[in-house]
């Protein structure tokens, strides 16, 4: 029997979504003063 190993079929490394979300939240905080610029960038 082979040595004890992990099941790697379900393990993967995804690109982190938090960086996009962090930028979006940062822009949202400035929305009151920069609503037009923030709305456009947030949508993208």
ModelCIF file with pLDDT and N, C-alpha, C, O atoms, coordinates in Angstrom:
data_MODEL
#
_entry.id   MODEL 
#
_entity.id                         1 
_entity.type                       polymer 
_entity.pdbx_number_of_molecules   1 
#
_entity_poly.entity_id                      1 
_entity_poly.type                           'polypeptide(L)' 
_entity_poly.nstd_linkage                   no 
_entity_poly.nstd_monomer                   no 
_entity_poly.pdbx_seq_one_letter_code       
;(UNK)(UNK)(UNK)(UNK)(UNK)(UNK)(UNK)(UNK)(UNK)(UNK)(UNK)(UNK)(UNK)(UNK)(UNK)(UNK)
(UNK)(UNK)(UNK)(UNK)(UNK)(UNK)(UNK)(UNK)(UNK)(UNK)(UNK)(UNK)(UNK)(UNK)(UNK)(UNK)
(UNK)(UNK)(UNK)(UNK)(UNK)(UNK)(UNK)(UNK)(UNK)(UNK)(UNK)(UNK)
;
_entity_poly.pdbx_seq_one_letter_code_can   XXXXXXXXXXXXXXXXXXXXXXXXXXXXXXXXXXXXXXXXXXXX 
_entity_poly.pdbx_strand_id                 A 
#
loop_
_entity_poly_seq.entity_id 
_entity_poly_seq.num 
_entity_poly_seq.mon_id 
_entity_poly_seq.hetero 
1 1  UNK n 
1 2  UNK n 
1 3  UNK n 
1 4  UNK n 
1 5  UNK n 
1 6  UNK n 
1 7  UNK n 
1 8  UNK n 
1 9  UNK n 
1 10 UNK n 
1 11 UNK n 
1 12 UNK n 
1 13 UNK n 
1 14 UNK n 
1 15 UNK n 
1 16 UNK n 
1 17 UNK n 
1 18 UNK n 
1 19 UNK n 
1 20 UNK n 
1 21 UNK n 
1 22 UNK n 
1 23 UNK n 
1 24 UNK n 
1 25 UNK n 
1 26 UNK n 
1 27 UNK n 
1 28 UNK n 
1 29 UNK n 
1 30 UNK n 
1 31 UNK n 
1 32 UNK n 
1 33 UNK n 
1 34 UNK n 
1 35 UNK n 
1 36 UNK n 
1 37 UNK n 
1 38 UNK n 
1 39 UNK n 
1 40 UNK n 
1 41 UNK n 
1 42 UNK n 
1 43 UNK n 
1 44 UNK n 
#
_struct_asym.id          A 
_struct_asym.entity_id   1 
#
loop_
_ma_qa_metric.id 
_ma_qa_metric.mode 
_ma_qa_metric.name 
_ma_qa_metric.software_group_id 
_ma_qa_metric.type 
1 global pLDDT . pLDDT 
2 local  pLDDT . pLDDT 
#
_ma_qa_metric_global.metric_id      1 
_ma_qa_metric_global.metric_value   72.66 
_ma_qa_metric_global.model_id       1 
_ma_qa_metric_global.ordinal_id     1 
#
loop_
_ma_qa_metric_local.label_asym_id 
_ma_qa_metric_local.label_comp_id 
_ma_qa_metric_local.label_seq_id 
_ma_qa_metric_local.metric_id 
_ma_qa_metric_local.metric_value 
_ma_qa_metric_local.model_id 
_ma_qa_metric_local.ordinal_id 
A UNK 1  2 78.00 1 1  
A UNK 2  2 76.00 1 2  
A UNK 3  2 79.00 1 3  
A UNK 4  2 81.00 1 4  
A UNK 5  2 81.00 1 5  
A UNK 6  2 82.00 1 6  
A UNK 7  2 81.00 1 7  
A UNK 8  2 81.00 1 8  
A UNK 9  2 79.00 1 9  
A UNK 10 2 79.00 1 10 
A UNK 11 2 79.00 1 11 
A UNK 12 2 77.00 1 12 
A UNK 13 2 70.00 1 13 
A UNK 14 2 67.00 1 14 
A UNK 15 2 62.00 1 15 
A UNK 16 2 57.00 1 16 
A UNK 17 2 57.00 1 17 
A UNK 18 2 61.00 1 18 
A UNK 19 2 64.00 1 19 
A UNK 20 2 69.00 1 20 
A UNK 21 2 71.00 1 21 
A UNK 22 2 72.00 1 22 
A UNK 23 2 73.00 1 23 
A UNK 24 2 75.00 1 24 
A UNK 25 2 77.00 1 25 
A UNK 26 2 72.00 1 26 
A UNK 27 2 72.00 1 27 
A UNK 28 2 72.00 1 28 
A UNK 29 2 70.00 1 29 
A UNK 30 2 64.00 1 30 
A UNK 31 2 64.00 1 31 
A UNK 32 2 65.00 1 32 
A UNK 33 2 64.00 1 33 
A UNK 34 2 68.00 1 34 
A UNK 35 2 74.00 1 35 
A UNK 36 2 72.00 1 36 
A UNK 37 2 71.00 1 37 
A UNK 38 2 71.00 1 38 
A UNK 39 2 75.00 1 39 
A UNK 40 2 78.00 1 40 
A UNK 41 2 76.00 1 41 
A UNK 42 2 78.00 1 42 
A UNK 43 2 83.00 1 43 
A UNK 44 2 80.00 1 44 
#
loop_
_atom_site.group_PDB 
_atom_site.id 
_atom_site.type_symbol 
_atom_site.label_atom_id 
_atom_site.label_alt_id 
_atom_site.label_comp_id 
_atom_site.label_asym_id 
_atom_site.label_entity_id 
_atom_site.label_seq_id 
_atom_site.pdbx_PDB_ins_code 
_atom_site.Cartn_x 
_atom_site.Cartn_y 
_atom_site.Cartn_z 
_atom_site.occupancy 
_atom_site.B_iso_or_equiv 
_atom_site.pdbx_formal_charge 
_atom_site.auth_seq_id 
_atom_site.auth_comp_id 
_atom_site.auth_asym_id 
_atom_site.auth_atom_id 
_atom_site.pdbx_PDB_model_num 
ATOM 1   N N  . UNK A 1 1  ? 0.846   -1.190 0.000   1.00 78.00 ? 1  UNK A N  1 
ATOM 2   C CA . UNK A 1 1  ? 0.000   0.000  0.000   1.00 78.00 ? 1  UNK A CA 1 
ATOM 3   C C  . UNK A 1 1  ? 0.880   1.238  0.000   1.00 78.00 ? 1  UNK A C  1 
ATOM 4   O O  . UNK A 1 1  ? 1.913   1.278  0.669   1.00 78.00 ? 1  UNK A O  1 
ATOM 5   N N  . UNK A 1 2  ? 0.468   2.238  -0.747  1.00 76.00 ? 2  UNK A N  1 
ATOM 6   C CA . UNK A 1 2  ? 1.256   3.453  -0.819  1.00 76.00 ? 2  UNK A CA 1 
ATOM 7   C C  . UNK A 1 2  ? 1.320   4.140  0.527   1.00 76.00 ? 2  UNK A C  1 
ATOM 8   O O  . UNK A 1 2  ? 0.476   3.887  1.387   1.00 76.00 ? 2  UNK A O  1 
ATOM 9   N N  . UNK A 1 3  ? 2.368   5.062  0.746   1.00 79.00 ? 3  UNK A N  1 
ATOM 10  C CA . UNK A 1 3  ? 2.437   5.831  1.992   1.00 79.00 ? 3  UNK A CA 1 
ATOM 11  C C  . UNK A 1 3  ? 1.196   6.691  2.178   1.00 79.00 ? 3  UNK A C  1 
ATOM 12  O O  . UNK A 1 3  ? 0.516   7.016  1.205   1.00 79.00 ? 3  UNK A O  1 
ATOM 13  N N  . UNK A 1 4  ? 0.893   7.067  3.427   1.00 81.00 ? 4  UNK A N  1 
ATOM 14  C CA . UNK A 1 4  ? -0.263  7.903  3.736   1.00 81.00 ? 4  UNK A CA 1 
ATOM 15  C C  . UNK A 1 4  ? -0.080  9.288  3.114   1.00 81.00 ? 4  UNK A C  1 
ATOM 16  O O  . UNK A 1 4  ? 0.895   9.983  3.400   1.00 81.00 ? 4  UNK A O  1 
ATOM 17  N N  . UNK A 1 5  ? -1.024  9.679  2.264   1.00 81.00 ? 5  UNK A N  1 
ATOM 18  C CA . UNK A 1 5  ? -0.973  10.989 1.624   1.00 81.00 ? 5  UNK A CA 1 
ATOM 19  C C  . UNK A 1 5  ? -2.333  11.671 1.711   1.00 81.00 ? 5  UNK A C  1 
ATOM 20  O O  . UNK A 1 5  ? -3.359  11.037 1.957   1.00 81.00 ? 5  UNK A O  1 
ATOM 21  N N  . UNK A 1 6  ? -2.305  12.988 1.501   1.00 82.00 ? 6  UNK A N  1 
ATOM 22  C CA . UNK A 1 6  ? -3.548  13.746 1.491   1.00 82.00 ? 6  UNK A CA 1 
ATOM 23  C C  . UNK A 1 6  ? -4.304  13.526 0.182   1.00 82.00 ? 6  UNK A C  1 
ATOM 24  O O  . UNK A 1 6  ? -3.728  13.105 -0.821  1.00 82.00 ? 6  UNK A O  1 
ATOM 25  N N  . UNK A 1 7  ? -5.590  13.817 0.211   1.00 81.00 ? 7  UNK A N  1 
ATOM 26  C CA . UNK A 1 7  ? -6.388  13.856 -1.016  1.00 81.00 ? 7  UNK A CA 1 
ATOM 27  C C  . UNK A 1 7  ? -6.329  15.290 -1.535  1.00 81.00 ? 7  UNK A C  1 
ATOM 28  O O  . UNK A 1 7  ? -6.978  16.186 -0.995  1.00 81.00 ? 7  UNK A O  1 
ATOM 29  N N  . UNK A 1 8  ? -5.547  15.490 -2.581  1.00 81.00 ? 8  UNK A N  1 
ATOM 30  C CA . UNK A 1 8  ? -5.317  16.838 -3.103  1.00 81.00 ? 8  UNK A CA 1 
ATOM 31  C C  . UNK A 1 8  ? -6.336  17.249 -4.173  1.00 81.00 ? 8  UNK A C  1 
ATOM 32  O O  . UNK A 1 8  ? -6.264  18.355 -4.708  1.00 81.00 ? 8  UNK A O  1 
ATOM 33  N N  . UNK A 1 9  ? -7.278  16.361 -4.479  1.00 79.00 ? 9  UNK A N  1 
ATOM 34  C CA . UNK A 1 9  ? -8.195  16.655 -5.580  1.00 79.00 ? 9  UNK A CA 1 
ATOM 35  C C  . UNK A 1 9  ? -9.066  17.877 -5.316  1.00 79.00 ? 9  UNK A C  1 
ATOM 36  O O  . UNK A 1 9  ? -9.447  18.577 -6.254  1.00 79.00 ? 9  UNK A O  1 
ATOM 37  N N  . UNK A 1 10 ? -9.386  18.140 -4.052  1.00 79.00 ? 10 UNK A N  1 
ATOM 38  C CA . UNK A 1 10 ? -10.273 19.263 -3.724  1.00 79.00 ? 10 UNK A CA 1 
ATOM 39  C C  . UNK A 1 10 ? -9.501  20.484 -3.224  1.00 79.00 ? 10 UNK A C  1 
ATOM 40  O O  . UNK A 1 10 ? -10.102 21.511 -2.910  1.00 79.00 ? 10 UNK A O  1 
ATOM 41  N N  . UNK A 1 11 ? -8.178  20.377 -3.148  1.00 79.00 ? 11 UNK A N  1 
ATOM 42  C CA . UNK A 1 11 ? -7.373  21.486 -2.628  1.00 79.00 ? 11 UNK A CA 1 
ATOM 43  C C  . UNK A 1 11 ? -6.844  22.308 -3.793  1.00 79.00 ? 11 UNK A C  1 
ATOM 44  O O  . UNK A 1 11 ? -6.223  21.768 -4.708  1.00 79.00 ? 11 UNK A O  1 
ATOM 45  N N  . UNK A 1 12 ? -7.085  23.596 -3.760  1.00 77.00 ? 12 UNK A N  1 
ATOM 46  C CA . UNK A 1 12 ? -6.604  24.483 -4.798  1.00 77.00 ? 12 UNK A CA 1 
ATOM 47  C C  . UNK A 1 12 ? -6.332  25.850 -4.193  1.00 77.00 ? 12 UNK A C  1 
ATOM 48  O O  . UNK A 1 12 ? -6.811  26.181 -3.109  1.00 77.00 ? 12 UNK A O  1 
ATOM 49  N N  . UNK A 1 13 ? -5.568  26.616 -4.905  1.00 70.00 ? 13 UNK A N  1 
ATOM 50  C CA . UNK A 1 13 ? -5.237  27.969 -4.456  1.00 70.00 ? 13 UNK A CA 1 
ATOM 51  C C  . UNK A 1 13 ? -5.838  28.955 -5.443  1.00 70.00 ? 13 UNK A C  1 
ATOM 52  O O  . UNK A 1 13 ? -5.440  28.994 -6.607  1.00 70.00 ? 13 UNK A O  1 
ATOM 53  N N  . UNK A 1 14 ? -6.782  29.742 -4.988  1.00 67.00 ? 14 UNK A N  1 
ATOM 54  C CA . UNK A 1 14 ? -7.457  30.711 -5.841  1.00 67.00 ? 14 UNK A CA 1 
ATOM 55  C C  . UNK A 1 14 ? -6.846  32.090 -5.653  1.00 67.00 ? 14 UNK A C  1 
ATOM 56  O O  . UNK A 1 14 ? -6.315  32.416 -4.592  1.00 67.00 ? 14 UNK A O  1 
ATOM 57  N N  . UNK A 1 15 ? -6.933  32.879 -6.691  1.00 62.00 ? 15 UNK A N  1 
ATOM 58  C CA . UNK A 1 15 ? -6.514  34.271 -6.542  1.00 62.00 ? 15 UNK A CA 1 
ATOM 59  C C  . UNK A 1 15 ? -7.439  34.950 -5.541  1.00 62.00 ? 15 UNK A C  1 
ATOM 60  O O  . UNK A 1 15 ? -8.655  34.762 -5.578  1.00 62.00 ? 15 UNK A O  1 
ATOM 61  N N  . UNK A 1 16 ? -6.861  35.728 -4.661  1.00 57.00 ? 16 UNK A N  1 
ATOM 62  C CA . UNK A 1 16 ? -7.604  36.293 -3.545  1.00 57.00 ? 16 UNK A CA 1 
ATOM 63  C C  . UNK A 1 16 ? -8.558  37.382 -4.025  1.00 57.00 ? 16 UNK A C  1 
ATOM 64  O O  . UNK A 1 16 ? -8.157  38.326 -4.706  1.00 57.00 ? 16 UNK A O  1 
ATOM 65  N N  . UNK A 1 17 ? -9.844  37.230 -3.654  1.00 57.00 ? 17 UNK A N  1 
ATOM 66  C CA . UNK A 1 17 ? -10.861 38.216 -4.027  1.00 57.00 ? 17 UNK A CA 1 
ATOM 67  C C  . UNK A 1 17 ? -10.839 39.433 -3.111  1.00 57.00 ? 17 UNK A C  1 
ATOM 68  O O  . UNK A 1 17 ? -11.388 40.482 -3.447  1.00 57.00 ? 17 UNK A O  1 
ATOM 69  N N  . UNK A 1 18 ? -10.195 39.285 -1.944  1.00 61.00 ? 18 UNK A N  1 
ATOM 70  C CA . UNK A 1 18 ? -10.279 40.352 -0.942  1.00 61.00 ? 18 UNK A CA 1 
ATOM 71  C C  . UNK A 1 18 ? -9.627  41.635 -1.411  1.00 61.00 ? 18 UNK A C  1 
ATOM 72  O O  . UNK A 1 18 ? -10.028 42.722 -0.996  1.00 61.00 ? 18 UNK A O  1 
ATOM 73  N N  . UNK A 1 19 ? -8.603  41.521 -2.293  1.00 64.00 ? 19 UNK A N  1 
ATOM 74  C CA . UNK A 1 19 ? -7.932  42.744 -2.719  1.00 64.00 ? 19 UNK A CA 1 
ATOM 75  C C  . UNK A 1 19 ? -8.874  43.637 -3.509  1.00 64.00 ? 19 UNK A C  1 
ATOM 76  O O  . UNK A 1 19 ? -8.852  44.861 -3.377  1.00 64.00 ? 19 UNK A O  1 
ATOM 77  N N  . UNK A 1 20 ? -9.711  42.999 -4.341  1.00 69.00 ? 20 UNK A N  1 
ATOM 78  C CA . UNK A 1 20 ? -10.687 43.783 -5.104  1.00 69.00 ? 20 UNK A CA 1 
ATOM 79  C C  . UNK A 1 20 ? -11.744 44.363 -4.165  1.00 69.00 ? 20 UNK A C  1 
ATOM 80  O O  . UNK A 1 20 ? -12.106 45.535 -4.265  1.00 69.00 ? 20 UNK A O  1 
ATOM 81  N N  . UNK A 1 21 ? -12.228 43.527 -3.258  1.00 71.00 ? 21 UNK A N  1 
ATOM 82  C CA . UNK A 1 21 ? -13.245 43.997 -2.313  1.00 71.00 ? 21 UNK A CA 1 
ATOM 83  C C  . UNK A 1 21 ? -12.732 45.104 -1.412  1.00 71.00 ? 21 UNK A C  1 
ATOM 84  O O  . UNK A 1 21 ? -13.467 46.033 -1.078  1.00 71.00 ? 21 UNK A O  1 
ATOM 85  N N  . UNK A 1 22 ? -11.460 45.002 -1.016  1.00 72.00 ? 22 UNK A N  1 
ATOM 86  C CA . UNK A 1 22 ? -10.880 46.038 -0.157  1.00 72.00 ? 22 UNK A CA 1 
ATOM 87  C C  . UNK A 1 22 ? -10.836 47.378 -0.882  1.00 72.00 ? 22 UNK A C  1 
ATOM 88  O O  . UNK A 1 22 ? -11.168 48.420 -0.316  1.00 72.00 ? 22 UNK A O  1 
ATOM 89  N N  . UNK A 1 23 ? -10.420 47.329 -2.140  1.00 73.00 ? 23 UNK A N  1 
ATOM 90  C CA . UNK A 1 23 ? -10.389 48.568 -2.916  1.00 73.00 ? 23 UNK A CA 1 
ATOM 91  C C  . UNK A 1 23 ? -11.796 49.135 -3.090  1.00 73.00 ? 23 UNK A C  1 
ATOM 92  O O  . UNK A 1 23 ? -12.018 50.341 -2.992  1.00 73.00 ? 23 UNK A O  1 
ATOM 93  N N  . UNK A 1 24 ? -12.737 48.229 -3.353  1.00 75.00 ? 24 UNK A N  1 
ATOM 94  C CA . UNK A 1 24 ? -14.123 48.697 -3.522  1.00 75.00 ? 24 UNK A CA 1 
ATOM 95  C C  . UNK A 1 24 ? -14.637 49.368 -2.252  1.00 75.00 ? 24 UNK A C  1 
ATOM 96  O O  . UNK A 1 24 ? -15.277 50.418 -2.320  1.00 75.00 ? 24 UNK A O  1 
ATOM 97  N N  . UNK A 1 25 ? -14.361 48.770 -1.098  1.00 77.00 ? 25 UNK A N  1 
ATOM 98  C CA . UNK A 1 25 ? -14.825 49.378 0.155   1.00 77.00 ? 25 UNK A CA 1 
ATOM 99  C C  . UNK A 1 25 ? -14.140 50.714 0.435   1.00 77.00 ? 25 UNK A C  1 
ATOM 100 O O  . UNK A 1 25 ? -14.751 51.657 0.937   1.00 77.00 ? 25 UNK A O  1 
ATOM 101 N N  . UNK A 1 26 ? -12.839 50.765 0.091   1.00 72.00 ? 26 UNK A N  1 
ATOM 102 C CA . UNK A 1 26 ? -12.129 52.030 0.301   1.00 72.00 ? 26 UNK A CA 1 
ATOM 103 C C  . UNK A 1 26 ? -12.723 53.152 -0.543  1.00 72.00 ? 26 UNK A C  1 
ATOM 104 O O  . UNK A 1 26 ? -12.860 54.292 -0.097  1.00 72.00 ? 26 UNK A O  1 
ATOM 105 N N  . UNK A 1 27 ? -13.069 52.795 -1.769  1.00 72.00 ? 27 UNK A N  1 
ATOM 106 C CA . UNK A 1 27 ? -13.668 53.807 -2.631  1.00 72.00 ? 27 UNK A CA 1 
ATOM 107 C C  . UNK A 1 27 ? -15.064 54.209 -2.140  1.00 72.00 ? 27 UNK A C  1 
ATOM 108 O O  . UNK A 1 27 ? -15.468 55.367 -2.253  1.00 72.00 ? 27 UNK A O  1 
ATOM 109 N N  . UNK A 1 28 ? -15.791 53.224 -1.590  1.00 72.00 ? 28 UNK A N  1 
ATOM 110 C CA . UNK A 1 28 ? -17.136 53.524 -1.097  1.00 72.00 ? 28 UNK A CA 1 
ATOM 111 C C  . UNK A 1 28 ? -17.115 54.532 0.048   1.00 72.00 ? 28 UNK A C  1 
ATOM 112 O O  . UNK A 1 28 ? -18.041 55.328 0.201   1.00 72.00 ? 28 UNK A O  1 
ATOM 113 N N  . UNK A 1 29 ? -16.058 54.492 0.849   1.00 70.00 ? 29 UNK A N  1 
ATOM 114 C CA . UNK A 1 29 ? -15.940 55.426 1.978   1.00 70.00 ? 29 UNK A CA 1 
ATOM 115 C C  . UNK A 1 29 ? -15.763 56.862 1.500   1.00 70.00 ? 29 UNK A C  1 
ATOM 116 O O  . UNK A 1 29 ? -16.074 57.811 2.220   1.00 70.00 ? 29 UNK A O  1 
ATOM 117 N N  . UNK A 1 30 ? -15.258 57.010 0.275   1.00 64.00 ? 30 UNK A N  1 
ATOM 118 C CA . UNK A 1 30 ? -15.065 58.349 -0.287  1.00 64.00 ? 30 UNK A CA 1 
ATOM 119 C C  . UNK A 1 30 ? -16.228 58.786 -1.183  1.00 64.00 ? 30 UNK A C  1 
ATOM 120 O O  . UNK A 1 30 ? -16.186 59.841 -1.816  1.00 64.00 ? 30 UNK A O  1 
ATOM 121 N N  . UNK A 1 31 ? -17.249 57.957 -1.217  1.00 64.00 ? 31 UNK A N  1 
ATOM 122 C CA . UNK A 1 31 ? -18.330 58.186 -2.177  1.00 64.00 ? 31 UNK A CA 1 
ATOM 123 C C  . UNK A 1 31 ? -19.034 59.534 -1.962  1.00 64.00 ? 31 UNK A C  1 
ATOM 124 O O  . UNK A 1 31 ? -19.471 60.173 -2.919  1.00 64.00 ? 31 UNK A O  1 
ATOM 125 N N  . UNK A 1 32 ? -19.138 59.956 -0.698  1.00 65.00 ? 32 UNK A N  1 
ATOM 126 C CA . UNK A 1 32 ? -19.861 61.195 -0.389  1.00 65.00 ? 32 UNK A CA 1 
ATOM 127 C C  . UNK A 1 32 ? -19.216 62.397 -1.077  1.00 65.00 ? 32 UNK A C  1 
ATOM 128 O O  . UNK A 1 32 ? -19.917 63.276 -1.578  1.00 65.00 ? 32 UNK A O  1 
ATOM 129 N N  . UNK A 1 33 ? -17.884 62.436 -1.102  1.00 64.00 ? 33 UNK A N  1 
ATOM 130 C CA . UNK A 1 33 ? -17.202 63.564 -1.735  1.00 64.00 ? 33 UNK A CA 1 
ATOM 131 C C  . UNK A 1 33 ? -16.911 63.327 -3.201  1.00 64.00 ? 33 UNK A C  1 
ATOM 132 O O  . UNK A 1 33 ? -16.835 64.269 -3.990  1.00 64.00 ? 33 UNK A O  1 
ATOM 133 N N  . UNK A 1 34 ? -16.747 62.049 -3.568  1.00 68.00 ? 34 UNK A N  1 
ATOM 134 C CA . UNK A 1 34 ? -16.323 61.730 -4.936  1.00 68.00 ? 34 UNK A CA 1 
ATOM 135 C C  . UNK A 1 34 ? -17.303 60.746 -5.565  1.00 68.00 ? 34 UNK A C  1 
ATOM 136 O O  . UNK A 1 34 ? -16.894 59.747 -6.156  1.00 68.00 ? 34 UNK A O  1 
ATOM 137 N N  . UNK A 1 35 ? -18.608 61.033 -5.434  1.00 74.00 ? 35 UNK A N  1 
ATOM 138 C CA . UNK A 1 35 ? -19.644 60.066 -5.820  1.00 74.00 ? 35 UNK A CA 1 
ATOM 139 C C  . UNK A 1 35 ? -19.542 59.642 -7.282  1.00 74.00 ? 35 UNK A C  1 
ATOM 140 O O  . UNK A 1 35 ? -19.693 58.458 -7.583  1.00 74.00 ? 35 UNK A O  1 
ATOM 141 N N  . UNK A 1 36 ? -19.296 60.549 -8.172  1.00 72.00 ? 36 UNK A N  1 
ATOM 142 C CA . UNK A 1 36 ? -19.266 60.190 -9.584  1.00 72.00 ? 36 UNK A CA 1 
ATOM 143 C C  . UNK A 1 36 ? -18.100 59.252 -9.890  1.00 72.00 ? 36 UNK A C  1 
ATOM 144 O O  . UNK A 1 36 ? -18.284 58.215 -10.529 1.00 72.00 ? 36 UNK A O  1 
ATOM 145 N N  . UNK A 1 37 ? -16.872 59.625 -9.424  1.00 71.00 ? 37 UNK A N  1 
ATOM 146 C CA . UNK A 1 37 ? -15.701 58.790 -9.680  1.00 71.00 ? 37 UNK A CA 1 
ATOM 147 C C  . UNK A 1 37 ? -15.827 57.419 -8.993  1.00 71.00 ? 37 UNK A C  1 
ATOM 148 O O  . UNK A 1 37 ? -15.493 56.383 -9.567  1.00 71.00 ? 37 UNK A O  1 
ATOM 149 N N  . UNK A 1 38 ? -16.326 57.453 -7.734  1.00 71.00 ? 38 UNK A N  1 
ATOM 150 C CA . UNK A 1 38 ? -16.444 56.204 -6.982  1.00 71.00 ? 38 UNK A CA 1 
ATOM 151 C C  . UNK A 1 38 ? -17.475 55.275 -7.606  1.00 71.00 ? 38 UNK A C  1 
ATOM 152 O O  . UNK A 1 38 ? -17.245 54.069 -7.693  1.00 71.00 ? 38 UNK A O  1 
ATOM 153 N N  . UNK A 1 39 ? -18.623 55.826 -8.047  1.00 75.00 ? 39 UNK A N  1 
ATOM 154 C CA . UNK A 1 39 ? -19.665 54.981 -8.653  1.00 75.00 ? 39 UNK A CA 1 
ATOM 155 C C  . UNK A 1 39 ? -19.144 54.268 -9.898  1.00 75.00 ? 39 UNK A C  1 
ATOM 156 O O  . UNK A 1 39 ? -19.412 53.083 -10.096 1.00 75.00 ? 39 UNK A O  1 
ATOM 157 N N  . UNK A 1 40 ? -18.414 54.978 -10.719 1.00 78.00 ? 40 UNK A N  1 
ATOM 158 C CA . UNK A 1 40 ? -17.889 54.390 -11.954 1.00 78.00 ? 40 UNK A CA 1 
ATOM 159 C C  . UNK A 1 40 ? -16.875 53.280 -11.655 1.00 78.00 ? 40 UNK A C  1 
ATOM 160 O O  . UNK A 1 40 ? -16.938 52.190 -12.225 1.00 78.00 ? 40 UNK A O  1 
ATOM 161 N N  . UNK A 1 41 ? -15.922 53.590 -10.732 1.00 76.00 ? 41 UNK A N  1 
ATOM 162 C CA . UNK A 1 41 ? -14.885 52.611 -10.425 1.00 76.00 ? 41 UNK A CA 1 
ATOM 163 C C  . UNK A 1 41 ? -15.446 51.405 -9.680  1.00 76.00 ? 41 UNK A C  1 
ATOM 164 O O  . UNK A 1 41 ? -15.022 50.271 -9.901  1.00 76.00 ? 41 UNK A O  1 
ATOM 165 N N  . UNK A 1 42 ? -16.419 51.671 -8.780  1.00 78.00 ? 42 UNK A N  1 
ATOM 166 C CA . UNK A 1 42 ? -17.003 50.565 -8.011  1.00 78.00 ? 42 UNK A CA 1 
ATOM 167 C C  . UNK A 1 42 ? -17.739 49.590 -8.931  1.00 78.00 ? 42 UNK A C  1 
ATOM 168 O O  . UNK A 1 42 ? -17.653 48.376 -8.750  1.00 78.00 ? 42 UNK A O  1 
ATOM 169 N N  . UNK A 1 43 ? -18.451 50.116 -9.904  1.00 83.00 ? 43 UNK A N  1 
ATOM 170 C CA . UNK A 1 43 ? -19.174 49.243 -10.820 1.00 83.00 ? 43 UNK A CA 1 
ATOM 171 C C  . UNK A 1 43 ? -18.209 48.342 -11.594 1.00 83.00 ? 43 UNK A C  1 
ATOM 172 O O  . UNK A 1 43 ? -18.476 47.155 -11.780 1.00 83.00 ? 43 UNK A O  1 
ATOM 173 N N  . UNK A 1 44 ? -17.099 48.905 -12.041 1.00 80.00 ? 44 UNK A N  1 
ATOM 174 C CA . UNK A 1 44 ? -16.120 48.115 -12.792 1.00 80.00 ? 44 UNK A CA 1 
ATOM 175 C C  . UNK A 1 44 ? -15.499 47.028 -11.922 1.00 80.00 ? 44 UNK A C  1 
ATOM 176 O O  . UNK A 1 44 ? -14.653 46.269 -12.394 1.00 80.00 ? 44 UNK A O  1 
#
